[in-house]
Amino acid sequence: MANMQEQWRQDSKSLSYEESLQALDLLLVQLQNENVPVEELQGSYLHGKIYLEHCEALLNSVEQNVLQLDADSLSQDPDL
């Protein structure tokens, strides 16, 4: 399972925020299916958690970029 998680992390790094959200939505739809074997539930949960962590990291990165903008020129503050 650890190898799969690492592969999922590597795969998620190439996704945009929107692509990660879309993949997370697809996983949620699959989890809502009553025919999903119990053995797959944990893997799907972990996979979704990785997508969510990737989305949060991307949002944090954008937030840091916005905080560094100079309010007058809306460009990167050279002092930061």
PDB file of N, CA and C in Angstrom:
ATOM      1  N   MET A   1       0.816  -1.193   0.000  1.00  0.00           N
ATOM      2  CA  MET A   1       0.000   0.000   0.000  1.00  0.00           C
ATOM      3  C   MET A   1       0.866   1.265   0.000  1.00  0.00           C
ATOM      4  N   ALA A   2       1.991   1.227   0.701  1.00  0.00           N
ATOM      5  CA  ALA A   2       2.876   2.398   0.762  1.00  0.00           C
ATOM      6  C   ALA A   2       3.413   2.754  -0.621  1.00  0.00           C
ATOM      7  N   ASN A   3       3.737   1.739  -1.423  1.00  0.00           N
ATOM      8  CA  ASN A   3       4.223   1.993  -2.786  1.00  0.00           C
ATOM      9  C   ASN A   3       3.144   2.663  -3.626  1.00  0.00           C
ATOM     10  N   MET A   4       1.913   2.214  -3.447  1.00  0.00           N
ATOM     11  CA  MET A   4       0.812   2.808  -4.208  1.00  0.00           C
ATOM     12  C   MET A   4       0.610   4.264  -3.804  1.00  0.00           C
ATOM     13  N   GLN A   5       0.695   4.533  -2.505  1.00  0.00           N
ATOM     14  CA  GLN A   5       0.522   5.905  -2.037  1.00  0.00           C
ATOM     15  C   GLN A   5       1.590   6.823  -2.615  1.00  0.00           C
ATOM     16  N   GLU A   6       2.816   6.342  -2.646  1.00  0.00           N
ATOM     17  CA  GLU A   6       3.900   7.158  -3.208  1.00  0.00           C
ATOM     18  C   GLU A   6       3.670   7.399  -4.695  1.00  0.00           C
ATOM     19  N   GLN A   7       3.198   6.398  -5.406  1.00  0.00           N
ATOM     20  CA  GLN A   7       2.892   6.549  -6.834  1.00  0.00           C
ATOM     21  C   GLN A   7       1.762   7.560  -7.028  1.00  0.00           C
ATOM     22  N   TRP A   8       0.739   7.488  -6.186  1.00  0.00           N
ATOM     23  CA  TRP A   8      -0.370   8.438  -6.265  1.00  0.00           C
ATOM     24  C   TRP A   8       0.123   9.855  -6.004  1.00  0.00           C
ATOM     25  N   ARG A   9       1.018  10.016  -5.046  1.00  0.00           N
ATOM     26  CA  ARG A   9       1.573  11.351  -4.754  1.00  0.00           C
ATOM     27  C   ARG A   9       2.333  11.891  -5.966  1.00  0.00           C
ATOM     28  N   GLN A  10       3.143  11.041  -6.562  1.00  0.00           N
ATOM     29  CA  GLN A  10       3.905  11.463  -7.738  1.00  0.00           C
ATOM     30  C   GLN A  10       2.964  11.829  -8.882  1.00  0.00           C
ATOM     31  N   ASP A  11       1.934  11.020  -9.083  1.00  0.00           N
ATOM     32  CA  ASP A  11       0.975  11.292 -10.157  1.00  0.00           C
ATOM     33  C   ASP A  11       0.219  12.589  -9.907  1.00  0.00           C
ATOM     34  N   SER A  12      -0.141  12.852  -8.663  1.00  0.00           N
ATOM     35  CA  SER A  12      -0.932  14.044  -8.359  1.00  0.00           C
ATOM     36  C   SER A  12      -0.124  15.328  -8.555  1.00  0.00           C
ATOM     37  N   LYS A  13       1.189  15.254  -8.437  1.00  0.00           N
ATOM     38  CA  LYS A  13       2.027  16.448  -8.590  1.00  0.00           C
ATOM     39  C   LYS A  13       1.911  17.074  -9.970  1.00  0.00           C
ATOM     40  N   SER A  14       1.565  16.275 -10.971  1.00  0.00           N
ATOM     41  CA  SER A  14       1.469  16.804 -12.328  1.00  0.00           C
ATOM     42  C   SER A  14       0.082  17.392 -12.629  1.00  0.00           C
ATOM     43  N   LEU A  15      -0.838  17.279 -11.670  1.00  0.00           N
ATOM     44  CA  LEU A  15      -2.193  17.746 -11.907  1.00  0.00           C
ATOM     45  C   LEU A  15      -2.380  19.197 -11.460  1.00  0.00           C
ATOM     46  N   SER A  16      -3.225  19.894 -12.188  1.00  0.00           N
ATOM     47  CA  SER A  16      -3.609  21.244 -11.773  1.00  0.00           C
ATOM     48  C   SER A  16      -4.629  21.131 -10.641  1.00  0.00           C
ATOM     49  N   TYR A  17      -4.971  22.248 -10.072  1.00  0.00           N
ATOM     50  CA  TYR A  17      -5.971  22.266  -9.009  1.00  0.00           C
ATOM     51  C   TYR A  17      -7.299  21.695  -9.521  1.00  0.00           C
ATOM     52  N   GLU A  18      -7.715  22.156 -10.692  1.00  0.00           N
ATOM     53  CA  GLU A  18      -8.983  21.710 -11.257  1.00  0.00           C
ATOM     54  C   GLU A  18      -8.962  20.217 -11.562  1.00  0.00           C
ATOM     55  N   GLU A  19      -7.852  19.736 -12.096  1.00  0.00           N
ATOM     56  CA  GLU A  19      -7.739  18.306 -12.399  1.00  0.00           C
ATOM     57  C   GLU A  19      -7.776  17.468 -11.120  1.00  0.00           C
ATOM     58  N   SER A  20      -7.149  17.961 -10.068  1.00  0.00           N
ATOM     59  CA  SER A  20      -7.169  17.254  -8.786  1.00  0.00           C
ATOM     60  C   SER A  20      -8.572  17.202  -8.213  1.00  0.00           C
ATOM     61  N   LEU A  21      -9.291  18.311  -8.295  1.00  0.00           N
ATOM     62  CA  LEU A  21     -10.671  18.332  -7.815  1.00  0.00           C
ATOM     63  C   LEU A  21     -11.548  17.376  -8.611  1.00  0.00           C
ATOM     64  N   GLN A  22     -11.324  17.344  -9.910  1.00  0.00           N
ATOM     65  CA  GLN A  22     -12.103  16.450 -10.769  1.00  0.00           C
ATOM     66  C   GLN A  22     -11.820  14.986 -10.412  1.00  0.00           C
ATOM     67  N   ALA A  23     -10.556  14.656 -10.199  1.00  0.00           N
ATOM     68  CA  ALA A  23     -10.194  13.295  -9.809  1.00  0.00           C
ATOM     69  C   ALA A  23     -10.796  12.943  -8.452  1.00  0.00           C
ATOM     70  N   LEU A  24     -10.803  13.906  -7.542  1.00  0.00           N
ATOM     71  CA  LEU A  24     -11.394  13.695  -6.226  1.00  0.00           C
ATOM     72  C   LEU A  24     -12.898  13.467  -6.349  1.00  0.00           C
ATOM     73  N   ASP A  25     -13.545  14.229  -7.201  1.00  0.00           N
ATOM     74  CA  ASP A  25     -14.982  14.037  -7.430  1.00  0.00           C
ATOM     75  C   ASP A  25     -15.275  12.645  -7.982  1.00  0.00           C
ATOM     76  N   LEU A  26     -14.450  12.187  -8.912  1.00  0.00           N
ATOM     77  CA  LEU A  26     -14.643  10.844  -9.468  1.00  0.00           C
ATOM     78  C   LEU A  26     -14.493   9.771  -8.394  1.00  0.00           C
ATOM     79  N   LEU A  27     -13.517   9.952  -7.528  1.00  0.00           N
ATOM     80  CA  LEU A  27     -13.336   9.000  -6.428  1.00  0.00           C
ATOM     81  C   LEU A  27     -14.542   9.002  -5.493  1.00  0.00           C
ATOM     82  N   LEU A  28     -15.074  10.171  -5.214  1.00  0.00           N
ATOM     83  CA  LEU A  28     -16.239  10.258  -4.345  1.00  0.00           C
ATOM     84  C   LEU A  28     -17.445   9.555  -4.956  1.00  0.00           C
ATOM     85  N   VAL A  29     -17.626   9.699  -6.253  1.00  0.00           N
ATOM     86  CA  VAL A  29     -18.716   8.998  -6.934  1.00  0.00           C
ATOM     87  C   VAL A  29     -18.524   7.486  -6.806  1.00  0.00           C
ATOM     88  N   GLN A  30     -17.301   7.024  -6.986  1.00  0.00           N
ATOM     89  CA  GLN A  30     -17.017   5.592  -6.849  1.00  0.00           C
ATOM     90  C   GLN A  30     -17.285   5.110  -5.429  1.00  0.00           C
ATOM     91  N   LEU A  31     -16.917   5.921  -4.439  1.00  0.00           N
ATOM     92  CA  LEU A  31     -17.129   5.527  -3.047  1.00  0.00           C
ATOM     93  C   LEU A  31     -18.613   5.462  -2.685  1.00  0.00           C
ATOM     94  N   GLN A  32     -19.415   6.244  -3.366  1.00  0.00           N
ATOM     95  CA  GLN A  32     -20.850   6.231  -3.103  1.00  0.00           C
ATOM     96  C   GLN A  32     -21.537   5.020  -3.711  1.00  0.00           C
ATOM     97  N   ASN A  33     -20.844   4.323  -4.579  1.00  0.00           N
ATOM     98  CA  ASN A  33     -21.379   3.117  -5.194  1.00  0.00           C
ATOM     99  C   ASN A  33     -21.394   2.003  -4.150  1.00  0.00           C
ATOM    100  N   GLU A  34     -22.528   1.412  -3.946  1.00  0.00           N
ATOM    101  CA  GLU A  34     -22.664   0.361  -2.939  1.00  0.00           C
ATOM    102  C   GLU A  34     -21.937  -0.924  -3.323  1.00  0.00           C
ATOM    103  N   ASN A  35     -21.509  -1.034  -4.559  1.00  0.00           N
ATOM    104  CA  ASN A  35     -20.859  -2.257  -5.019  1.00  0.00           C
ATOM    105  C   ASN A  35     -19.346  -2.255  -4.833  1.00  0.00           C
ATOM    106  N   VAL A  36     -18.810  -1.203  -4.225  1.00  0.00           N
ATOM    107  CA  VAL A  36     -17.365  -1.123  -4.001  1.00  0.00           C
ATOM    108  C   VAL A  36     -16.997  -2.113  -2.896  1.00  0.00           C
ATOM    109  N   PRO A  37     -16.085  -3.026  -3.190  1.00  0.00           N
ATOM    110  CA  PRO A  37     -15.660  -3.978  -2.152  1.00  0.00           C
ATOM    111  C   PRO A  37     -14.997  -3.259  -0.979  1.00  0.00           C
ATOM    112  N   VAL A  38     -15.224  -3.770   0.191  1.00  0.00           N
ATOM    113  CA  VAL A  38     -14.682  -3.169   1.411  1.00  0.00           C
ATOM    114  C   VAL A  38     -13.161  -3.054   1.321  1.00  0.00           C
ATOM    115  N   GLU A  39     -12.513  -4.008   0.699  1.00  0.00           N
ATOM    116  CA  GLU A  39     -11.057  -4.005   0.584  1.00  0.00           C
ATOM    117  C   GLU A  39     -10.554  -2.782  -0.177  1.00  0.00           C
ATOM    118  N   GLU A  40     -11.378  -2.246  -1.072  1.00  0.00           N
ATOM    119  CA  GLU A  40     -10.971  -1.094  -1.880  1.00  0.00           C
ATOM    120  C   GLU A  40     -11.262   0.238  -1.199  1.00  0.00           C
ATOM    121  N   LEU A  41     -12.087   0.227  -0.174  1.00  0.00           N
ATOM    122  CA  LEU A  41     -12.487   1.472   0.471  1.00  0.00           C
ATOM    123  C   LEU A  41     -11.304   2.228   1.071  1.00  0.00           C
ATOM    124  N   GLN A  42     -10.429   1.525   1.759  1.00  0.00           N
ATOM    125  CA  GLN A  42      -9.287   2.189   2.378  1.00  0.00           C
ATOM    126  C   GLN A  42      -8.373   2.802   1.321  1.00  0.00           C
ATOM    127  N   GLY A  43      -8.111   2.057   0.261  1.00  0.00           N
ATOM    128  CA  GLY A  43      -7.264   2.579  -0.813  1.00  0.00           C
ATOM    129  C   GLY A  43      -7.877   3.801  -1.467  1.00  0.00           C
ATOM    130  N   SER A  44      -9.183   3.760  -1.699  1.00  0.00           N
ATOM    131  CA  SER A  44      -9.863   4.899  -2.314  1.00  0.00           C
ATOM    132  C   SER A  44      -9.836   6.107  -1.382  1.00  0.00           C
ATOM    133  N   TYR A  45     -10.029   5.848  -0.100  1.00  0.00           N
ATOM    134  CA  TYR A  45      -9.967   6.938   0.886  1.00  0.00           C
ATOM    135  C   TYR A  45      -8.581   7.585   0.873  1.00  0.00           C
ATOM    136  N   LEU A  46      -7.536   6.777   0.906  1.00  0.00           N
ATOM    137  CA  LEU A  46      -6.168   7.302   0.919  1.00  0.00           C
ATOM    138  C   LEU A  46      -5.845   8.047  -0.370  1.00  0.00           C
ATOM    139  N   HIS A  47      -6.317   7.515  -1.484  1.00  0.00           N
ATOM    140  CA  HIS A  47      -6.095   8.159  -2.776  1.00  0.00           C
ATOM    141  C   HIS A  47      -6.764   9.537  -2.782  1.00  0.00           C
ATOM    142  N   GLY A  48      -7.995   9.604  -2.293  1.00  0.00           N
ATOM    143  CA  GLY A  48      -8.700  10.869  -2.207  1.00  0.00           C
ATOM    144  C   GLY A  48      -8.005  11.852  -1.280  1.00  0.00           C
ATOM    145  N   LYS A  49      -7.475  11.348  -0.190  1.00  0.00           N
ATOM    146  CA  LYS A  49      -6.757  12.195   0.762  1.00  0.00           C
ATOM    147  C   LYS A  49      -5.526  12.825   0.100  1.00  0.00           C
ATOM    148  N   ILE A  50      -4.853  12.069  -0.748  1.00  0.00           N
ATOM    149  CA  ILE A  50      -3.678  12.592  -1.464  1.00  0.00           C
ATOM    150  C   ILE A  50      -4.091  13.697  -2.431  1.00  0.00           C
ATOM    151  N   TYR A  51      -5.201  13.507  -3.152  1.00  0.00           N
ATOM    152  CA  TYR A  51      -5.698  14.562  -4.038  1.00  0.00           C
ATOM    153  C   TYR A  51      -6.043  15.812  -3.235  1.00  0.00           C
ATOM    154  N   LEU A  52      -6.691  15.627  -2.102  1.00  0.00           N
ATOM    155  CA  LEU A  52      -7.067  16.753  -1.262  1.00  0.00           C
ATOM    156  C   LEU A  52      -5.833  17.490  -0.738  1.00  0.00           C
ATOM    157  N   GLU A  53      -4.819  16.757  -0.303  1.00  0.00           N
ATOM    158  CA  GLU A  53      -3.578  17.379   0.164  1.00  0.00           C
ATOM    159  C   GLU A  53      -2.910  18.174  -0.951  1.00  0.00           C
ATOM    160  N   HIS A  54      -2.966  17.634  -2.168  1.00  0.00           N
ATOM    161  CA  HIS A  54      -2.380  18.335  -3.319  1.00  0.00           C
ATOM    162  C   HIS A  54      -3.133  19.644  -3.582  1.00  0.00           C
ATOM    163  N   CYS A  55      -4.463  19.594  -3.508  1.00  0.00           N
ATOM    164  CA  CYS A  55      -5.262  20.805  -3.695  1.00  0.00           C
ATOM    165  C   CYS A  55      -4.919  21.846  -2.630  1.00  0.00           C
ATOM    166  N   GLU A  56      -4.794  21.420  -1.400  1.00  0.00           N
ATOM    167  CA  GLU A  56      -4.462  22.339  -0.310  1.00  0.00           C
ATOM    168  C   GLU A  56      -3.080  22.953  -0.511  1.00  0.00           C
ATOM    169  N   ALA A  57      -2.125  22.165  -0.973  1.00  0.00           N
ATOM    170  CA  ALA A  57      -0.775  22.679  -1.217  1.00  0.00           C
ATOM    171  C   ALA A  57      -0.794  23.725  -2.335  1.00  0.00           C
ATOM    172  N   LEU A  58      -1.560  23.451  -3.389  1.00  0.00           N
ATOM    173  CA  LEU A  58      -1.659  24.415  -4.484  1.00  0.00           C
ATOM    174  C   LEU A  58      -2.314  25.711  -4.009  1.00  0.00           C
ATOM    175  N   LEU A  59      -3.368  25.602  -3.213  1.00  0.00           N
ATOM    176  CA  LEU A  59      -4.023  26.797  -2.685  1.00  0.00           C
ATOM    177  C   LEU A  59      -3.100  27.594  -1.776  1.00  0.00           C
ATOM    178  N   ASN A  60      -2.336  26.901  -0.943  1.00  0.00           N
ATOM    179  CA  ASN A  60      -1.381  27.586  -0.067  1.00  0.00           C
ATOM    180  C   ASN A  60      -0.329  28.330  -0.867  1.00  0.00           C
ATOM    181  N   SER A  61       0.119  27.726  -1.956  1.00  0.00           N
ATOM    182  CA  SER A  61       1.116  28.361  -2.815  1.00  0.00           C
ATOM    183  C   SER A  61       0.560  29.644  -3.442  1.00  0.00           C
ATOM    184  N   VAL A  62      -0.655  29.561  -3.932  1.00  0.00           N
ATOM    185  CA  VAL A  62      -1.283  30.743  -4.529  1.00  0.00           C
ATOM    186  C   VAL A  62      -1.489  31.819  -3.469  1.00  0.00           C
ATOM    187  N   GLU A  63      -1.913  31.404  -2.279  1.00  0.00           N
ATOM    188  CA  GLU A  63      -2.115  32.359  -1.192  1.00  0.00           C
ATOM    189  C   GLU A  63      -0.812  33.094  -0.866  1.00  0.00           C
ATOM    190  N   GLN A  64       0.297  32.370  -0.815  1.00  0.00           N
ATOM    191  CA  GLN A  64       1.581  33.012  -0.526  1.00  0.00           C
ATOM    192  C   GLN A  64       1.956  34.004  -1.622  1.00  0.00           C
ATOM    193  N   ASN A  65       1.669  33.656  -2.877  1.00  0.00           N
ATOM    194  CA  ASN A  65       1.961  34.572  -3.987  1.00  0.00           C
ATOM    195  C   ASN A  65       1.114  35.835  -3.885  1.00  0.00           C
ATOM    196  N   VAL A  66      -0.147  35.676  -3.505  1.00  0.00           N
ATOM    197  CA  VAL A  66      -1.032  36.828  -3.375  1.00  0.00           C
ATOM    198  C   VAL A  66      -0.565  37.724  -2.224  1.00  0.00           C
ATOM    199  N   LEU A  67      -0.153  37.127  -1.134  1.00  0.00           N
ATOM    200  CA  LEU A  67       0.316  37.913   0.006  1.00  0.00           C
ATOM    201  C   LEU A  67       1.568  38.716  -0.322  1.00  0.00           C
ATOM    202  N   GLN A  68       2.330  38.275  -1.297  1.00  0.00           N
ATOM    203  CA  GLN A  68       3.564  38.960  -1.667  1.00  0.00           C
ATOM    204  C   GLN A  68       3.347  40.046  -2.715  1.00  0.00           C
ATOM    205  N   LEU A  69       2.115  40.196  -3.195  1.00  0.00           N
ATOM    206  CA  LEU A  69       1.844  41.223  -4.188  1.00  0.00           C
ATOM    207  C   LEU A  69       1.874  42.605  -3.542  1.00  0.00           C
ATOM    208  N   ASP A  70       2.429  43.539  -4.261  1.00  0.00           N
ATOM    209  CA  ASP A  70       2.422  44.932  -3.839  1.00  0.00           C
ATOM    210  C   ASP A  70       1.040  45.497  -4.195  1.00  0.00           C
ATOM    211  N   ALA A  71       0.321  46.015  -3.225  1.00  0.00           N
ATOM    212  CA  ALA A  71      -1.055  46.472  -3.434  1.00  0.00           C
ATOM    213  C   ALA A  71      -1.155  47.596  -4.464  1.00  0.00           C
ATOM    214  N   ASP A  72      -0.129  48.439  -4.588  1.00  0.00           N
ATOM    215  CA  ASP A  72      -0.194  49.558  -5.516  1.00  0.00           C
ATOM    216  C   ASP A  72       0.013  49.142  -6.963  1.00  0.00           C
ATOM    217  N   SER A  73       0.921  48.242  -7.184  1.00  0.00           N
ATOM    218  CA  SER A  73       1.241  47.877  -8.570  1.00  0.00           C
ATOM    219  C   SER A  73       0.722  46.496  -8.964  1.00  0.00           C
ATOM    220  N   LEU A  74       0.242  45.723  -7.975  1.00  0.00           N
ATOM    221  CA  LEU A  74      -0.198  44.339  -8.190  1.00  0.00           C
ATOM    222  C   LEU A  74       0.896  43.495  -8.846  1.00  0.00           C
ATOM    223  N   SER A  75       2.120  43.792  -8.496  1.00  0.00           N
ATOM    224  CA  SER A  75       3.249  42.970  -8.925  1.00  0.00           C
ATOM    225  C   SER A  75       3.969  42.486  -7.669  1.00  0.00           C
ATOM    226  N   GLN A  76       4.887  41.580  -7.839  1.00  0.00           N
ATOM    227  CA  GLN A  76       5.619  41.034  -6.689  1.00  0.00           C
ATOM    228  C   GLN A  76       6.352  42.150  -5.977  1.00  0.00           C
ATOM    229  N   ASP A  77       6.193  42.192  -4.676  1.00  0.00           N
ATOM    230  CA  ASP A  77       6.872  43.187  -3.840  1.00  0.00           C
ATOM    231  C   ASP A  77       8.378  42.874  -3.851  1.00  0.00           C
ATOM    232  N   PRO A  78       9.218  43.779  -4.334  1.00  0.00           N
ATOM    233  CA  PRO A  78      10.654  43.489  -4.415  1.00  0.00           C
ATOM    234  C   PRO A  78      11.321  43.336  -3.053  1.00  0.00           C
ATOM    235  N   ASP A  79      10.687  43.847  -2.002  1.00  0.00           N
ATOM    236  CA  ASP A  79      11.280  43.745  -0.664  1.00  0.00           C
ATOM    237  C   ASP A  79      11.100  42.373  -0.048  1.00  0.00           C
ATOM    238  N   LEU A  80      10.249  41.511  -0.636  1.00  0.00           N
ATOM    239  CA  LEU A  80       9.999  40.179  -0.060  1.00  0.00           C
ATOM    240  C   LEU A  80      10.824  39.121  -0.715  1.00  0.00           C
TER     241      LEU A  80
END
